[in-house]
Amino acid sequence: MWGLDEIKRMNKVSIDKKKKKPILEKEIQKRILAWLRKIGFSVDVISSGLYNRSGIADIVGCTNTGKFFAVEVKRGANKPSKLQVKWLEEKKALGCLVYVANSVDNLKEKIDKTGKR
């Protein structure tokens, strides 16, 4: 039987310590949304659909200082698709803050590194 630490290292995904199961991307997104709202950001979740452009980030919004931002949420070591990278790069070129995050802690670290809230 594999230990919790070994499973984390092998899968490189967040583990729900209570259930000892990998956390789904939807749950990671939910936690990130709660934290962003807590720090005063205005956030919206973008659902895929007929009228949405392919590749759009999972979360978009405005920081508490009025700066547009986008977050692509990924589970574990998963990477954004080519379309997602293109969308994020377009927004970054316009001066928007863009992030790819796999946990709240990961996003906090990236936001603190830029120093822009």
C-alpha atoms as a PDB file:
ATOM      1  CA  MET A   1       0.000   0.000   0.000  1.00  0.00           C
ATOM      2  CA  TRP A   2       1.313   3.436  -0.932  1.00  0.00           C
ATOM      3  CA  GLY A   3       1.624   6.138   1.707  1.00  0.00           C
ATOM      4  CA  LEU A   4      -0.001   9.543   1.306  1.00  0.00           C
ATOM      5  CA  ASP A   5       3.338  11.271   0.658  1.00  0.00           C
ATOM      6  CA  GLU A   6       4.299   8.731  -2.008  1.00  0.00           C
ATOM      7  CA  ILE A   7       0.949   9.146  -3.758  1.00  0.00           C
ATOM      8  CA  LYS A   8       1.395  12.941  -3.753  1.00  0.00           C
ATOM      9  CA  ARG A   9       4.848  12.675  -5.281  1.00  0.00           C
ATOM     10  CA  MET A  10       3.802  10.117  -7.890  1.00  0.00           C
ATOM     11  CA  ASN A  11       0.635  11.880  -9.012  1.00  0.00           C
ATOM     12  CA  LYS A  12       1.695  15.457  -8.283  1.00  0.00           C
ATOM     13  CA  VAL A  13      -1.894  16.329  -7.393  1.00  0.00           C
ATOM     14  CA  SER A  14      -3.449  17.866  -4.319  1.00  0.00           C
ATOM     15  CA  ILE A  15      -4.773  15.268  -1.902  1.00  0.00           C
ATOM     16  CA  ASP A  16      -7.790  15.715   0.335  1.00  0.00           C
ATOM     17  CA  LYS A  17      -6.231  14.565   3.612  1.00  0.00           C
ATOM     18  CA  LYS A  18      -9.577  13.582   5.131  1.00  0.00           C
ATOM     19  CA  LYS A  19     -10.633  11.369   2.228  1.00  0.00           C
ATOM     20  CA  LYS A  20      -7.109  10.551   0.946  1.00  0.00           C
ATOM     21  CA  LYS A  21      -8.300  11.186  -2.602  1.00  0.00           C
ATOM     22  CA  PRO A  22      -6.975  13.543  -5.275  1.00  0.00           C
ATOM     23  CA  ILE A  23      -8.837  16.853  -5.266  1.00  0.00           C
ATOM     24  CA  LEU A  24     -10.799  17.531  -8.434  1.00  0.00           C
ATOM     25  CA  GLU A  25     -10.116  20.636 -10.520  1.00  0.00           C
ATOM     26  CA  LYS A  26     -13.632  21.874  -9.739  1.00  0.00           C
ATOM     27  CA  GLU A  27     -12.846  21.800  -5.991  1.00  0.00           C
ATOM     28  CA  ILE A  28      -9.519  23.605  -6.515  1.00  0.00           C
ATOM     29  CA  GLN A  29     -11.402  26.267  -8.489  1.00  0.00           C
ATOM     30  CA  LYS A  30     -13.978  26.606  -5.705  1.00  0.00           C
ATOM     31  CA  ARG A  31     -11.234  27.146  -3.103  1.00  0.00           C
ATOM     32  CA  ILE A  32      -9.426  29.678  -5.305  1.00  0.00           C
ATOM     33  CA  LEU A  33     -12.681  31.613  -5.852  1.00  0.00           C
ATOM     34  CA  ALA A  34     -13.352  31.746  -2.107  1.00  0.00           C
ATOM     35  CA  TRP A  35      -9.841  33.042  -1.398  1.00  0.00           C
ATOM     36  CA  LEU A  36      -9.982  35.667  -4.185  1.00  0.00           C
ATOM     37  CA  ARG A  37     -13.300  36.962  -2.861  1.00  0.00           C
ATOM     38  CA  LYS A  38     -11.890  37.009   0.672  1.00  0.00           C
ATOM     39  CA  ILE A  39      -9.039  39.312  -0.382  1.00  0.00           C
ATOM     40  CA  GLY A  40     -11.458  41.672  -2.127  1.00  0.00           C
ATOM     41  CA  PHE A  41     -11.209  40.645  -5.771  1.00  0.00           C
ATOM     42  CA  SER A  42     -14.296  40.683  -7.985  1.00  0.00           C
ATOM     43  CA  VAL A  43     -14.430  37.284  -9.692  1.00  0.00           C
ATOM     44  CA  ASP A  44     -16.475  35.464 -12.293  1.00  0.00           C
ATOM     45  CA  VAL A  45     -16.365  31.863 -13.449  1.00  0.00           C
ATOM     46  CA  ILE A  46     -16.445  31.301 -17.171  1.00  0.00           C
ATOM     47  CA  SER A  47     -18.359  28.230 -18.310  1.00  0.00           C
ATOM     48  CA  SER A  48     -17.666  26.711 -21.674  1.00  0.00           C
ATOM     49  CA  GLY A  49     -20.522  27.082 -24.059  1.00  0.00           C
ATOM     50  CA  LEU A  50     -21.733  27.891 -27.524  1.00  0.00           C
ATOM     51  CA  TYR A  51     -20.982  31.624 -27.331  1.00  0.00           C
ATOM     52  CA  ASN A  52     -17.652  31.490 -25.492  1.00  0.00           C
ATOM     53  CA  ARG A  53     -14.342  31.602 -27.262  1.00  0.00           C
ATOM     54  CA  SER A  54     -12.243  28.439 -26.923  1.00  0.00           C
ATOM     55  CA  GLY A  55      -9.347  28.673 -24.510  1.00  0.00           C
ATOM     56  CA  ILE A  56     -10.800  31.328 -22.194  1.00  0.00           C
ATOM     57  CA  ALA A  57      -9.537  31.139 -18.591  1.00  0.00           C
ATOM     58  CA  ASP A  58     -11.613  29.472 -15.866  1.00  0.00           C
ATOM     59  CA  ILE A  59     -11.732  32.552 -13.629  1.00  0.00           C
ATOM     60  CA  VAL A  60     -11.666  36.211 -14.683  1.00  0.00           C
ATOM     61  CA  GLY A  61     -12.187  39.359 -12.724  1.00  0.00           C
ATOM     62  CA  CYS A  62     -10.826  42.562 -11.316  1.00  0.00           C
ATOM     63  CA  THR A  63      -8.337  43.012  -8.476  1.00  0.00           C
ATOM     64  CA  ASN A  64      -9.117  45.304  -5.571  1.00  0.00           C
ATOM     65  CA  THR A  65      -6.947  47.931  -7.326  1.00  0.00           C
ATOM     66  CA  GLY A  66      -8.890  47.762 -10.597  1.00  0.00           C
ATOM     67  CA  LYS A  67      -6.584  45.509 -12.620  1.00  0.00           C
ATOM     68  CA  PHE A  68      -8.113  42.806 -14.863  1.00  0.00           C
ATOM     69  CA  PHE A  69      -6.878  39.292 -14.116  1.00  0.00           C
ATOM     70  CA  ALA A  70      -7.433  35.739 -15.333  1.00  0.00           C
ATOM     71  CA  VAL A  71      -6.696  32.397 -13.703  1.00  0.00           C
ATOM     72  CA  GLU A  72      -6.504  29.073 -15.535  1.00  0.00           C
ATOM     73  CA  VAL A  73      -7.021  26.346 -12.936  1.00  0.00           C
ATOM     74  CA  LYS A  74      -5.218  23.056 -13.435  1.00  0.00           C
ATOM     75  CA  ARG A  75      -5.057  19.913 -11.366  1.00  0.00           C
ATOM     76  CA  GLY A  76      -1.661  18.669 -10.236  1.00  0.00           C
ATOM     77  CA  ALA A  77       1.001  18.930 -12.916  1.00  0.00           C
ATOM     78  CA  ASN A  78      -1.491  19.382 -15.779  1.00  0.00           C
ATOM     79  CA  LYS A  79      -0.628  22.143 -18.239  1.00  0.00           C
ATOM     80  CA  PRO A  80      -2.868  24.563 -20.160  1.00  0.00           C
ATOM     81  CA  SER A  81      -3.779  23.657 -23.735  1.00  0.00           C
ATOM     82  CA  LYS A  82      -2.343  25.581 -26.688  1.00  0.00           C
ATOM     83  CA  LEU A  83      -5.602  27.532 -27.004  1.00  0.00           C
ATOM     84  CA  GLN A  84      -5.543  28.411 -23.312  1.00  0.00           C
ATOM     85  CA  VAL A  85      -1.915  29.553 -23.514  1.00  0.00           C
ATOM     86  CA  LYS A  86      -2.752  31.697 -26.556  1.00  0.00           C
ATOM     87  CA  TRP A  87      -5.699  33.324 -24.757  1.00  0.00           C
ATOM     88  CA  LEU A  88      -3.591  34.030 -21.652  1.00  0.00           C
ATOM     89  CA  GLU A  89      -0.731  35.449 -23.736  1.00  0.00           C
ATOM     90  CA  GLU A  90      -3.144  37.787 -25.583  1.00  0.00           C
ATOM     91  CA  LYS A  91      -4.426  39.162 -22.283  1.00  0.00           C
ATOM     92  CA  LYS A  92      -0.930  39.482 -20.815  1.00  0.00           C
ATOM     93  CA  ALA A  93       0.191  41.458 -23.882  1.00  0.00           C
ATOM     94  CA  LEU A  94      -2.611  43.926 -23.101  1.00  0.00           C
ATOM     95  CA  GLY A  95      -1.340  44.400 -19.548  1.00  0.00           C
ATOM     96  CA  CYS A  96      -3.647  41.984 -17.754  1.00  0.00           C
ATOM     97  CA  LEU A  97      -2.476  39.774 -14.899  1.00  0.00           C
ATOM     98  CA  VAL A  98      -2.624  36.111 -15.901  1.00  0.00           C
ATOM     99  CA  TYR A  99      -1.981  33.038 -13.793  1.00  0.00           C
ATOM    100  CA  VAL A 100      -2.042  29.272 -14.087  1.00  0.00           C
ATOM    101  CA  ALA A 101      -2.592  27.744 -10.654  1.00  0.00           C
ATOM    102  CA  ASN A 102      -3.143  24.287  -9.185  1.00  0.00           C
ATOM    103  CA  SER A 103      -3.972  25.381  -5.614  1.00  0.00           C
ATOM    104  CA  VAL A 104      -4.739  28.429  -3.501  1.00  0.00           C
ATOM    105  CA  ASP A 105      -1.192  28.387  -2.111  1.00  0.00           C
ATOM    106  CA  ASN A 106       0.239  28.215  -5.623  1.00  0.00           C
ATOM    107  CA  LEU A 107      -1.846  31.227  -6.706  1.00  0.00           C
ATOM    108  CA  LYS A 108      -0.984  33.197  -3.525  1.00  0.00           C
ATOM    109  CA  GLU A 109       2.703  32.633  -4.232  1.00  0.00           C
ATOM    110  CA  LYS A 110       2.357  33.837  -7.826  1.00  0.00           C
ATOM    111  CA  ILE A 111       0.342  36.915  -6.886  1.00  0.00           C
ATOM    112  CA  ASP A 112       2.788  37.800  -4.088  1.00  0.00           C
ATOM    113  CA  LYS A 113       5.695  37.358  -6.514  1.00  0.00           C
ATOM    114  CA  THR A 114       4.228  39.935  -8.915  1.00  0.00           C
ATOM    115  CA  GLY A 115       3.406  42.267  -6.039  1.00  0.00           C
ATOM    116  CA  LYS A 116       0.190  43.286  -7.809  1.00  0.00           C
ATOM    117  CA  ARG A 117      -3.129  43.097  -6.037  1.00  0.00           C
END
